[in-house]
Amino acid sequence: MMILGIDPGYAIVGYGVVEAQNGRFRTLEHGAIVTQAGLDFNRRLEKIYDTLVSVTAHWKPDAVSIEKLYFQNNQKTAIGVAEARGVILLAVQKAGAQIFEYTPFQVKMAVTGYGKAKKPQVMEMTRRLLGLRNMPKPDDTADALAMAVCHGQAAGSELRRAVLERRFRAAERKAGT
């Protein structure tokens, strides 16, 4: 399975493409979309969109794993991140990949086995699981790779199948079928 992990933002969007097969992971590409602070916000969103369209067109991921947005203290930043996240979701939706959202707790559990793990622990386990010599910089890229690993760990689990089944049934009820 080809997984695109994304750490959303508007100044820096981390991304990582990982192949997951039989519990093993292989990093195919990773990087960060960096937008300049002085650039018009709409142009920043356009750069994020265009880059992700290019990445998804090249790799054609089966799944996209993205961090679930959670409340932040700075509302101005939260709104900007939410707007960027909308653009990110549109870009990957148009690519036809399934989108899966995970909380930071879920990522920590999937990668380290401990939901309260600290960032250095998550980064080290991600590095080990991916067989990387060093963790990529910036941290947003490392976080995106952890997102991809999280989905790779969860995709085959009984819990994941149960969650997907519930979503499918709810969608059927909503559609009236």
Foldseek 3Di string as FASTA:
>chain_A
DWEWFWEFFQQKIWIWIWDFDPLAIATDDIDIQGDDPVDDSVVSLVSLLVVLLVVCVVPVGQEYFYEDQDDDPDVVRSVSRVVSVVSNVVSVVVSVHHYDYDHQQLLCCQQPVGSVDDLVSSLVSLCVRNVHPDRDDDVNNSVRSSRRSSCSSLVPDPVNVVVVVVVVVVVCVVVVD
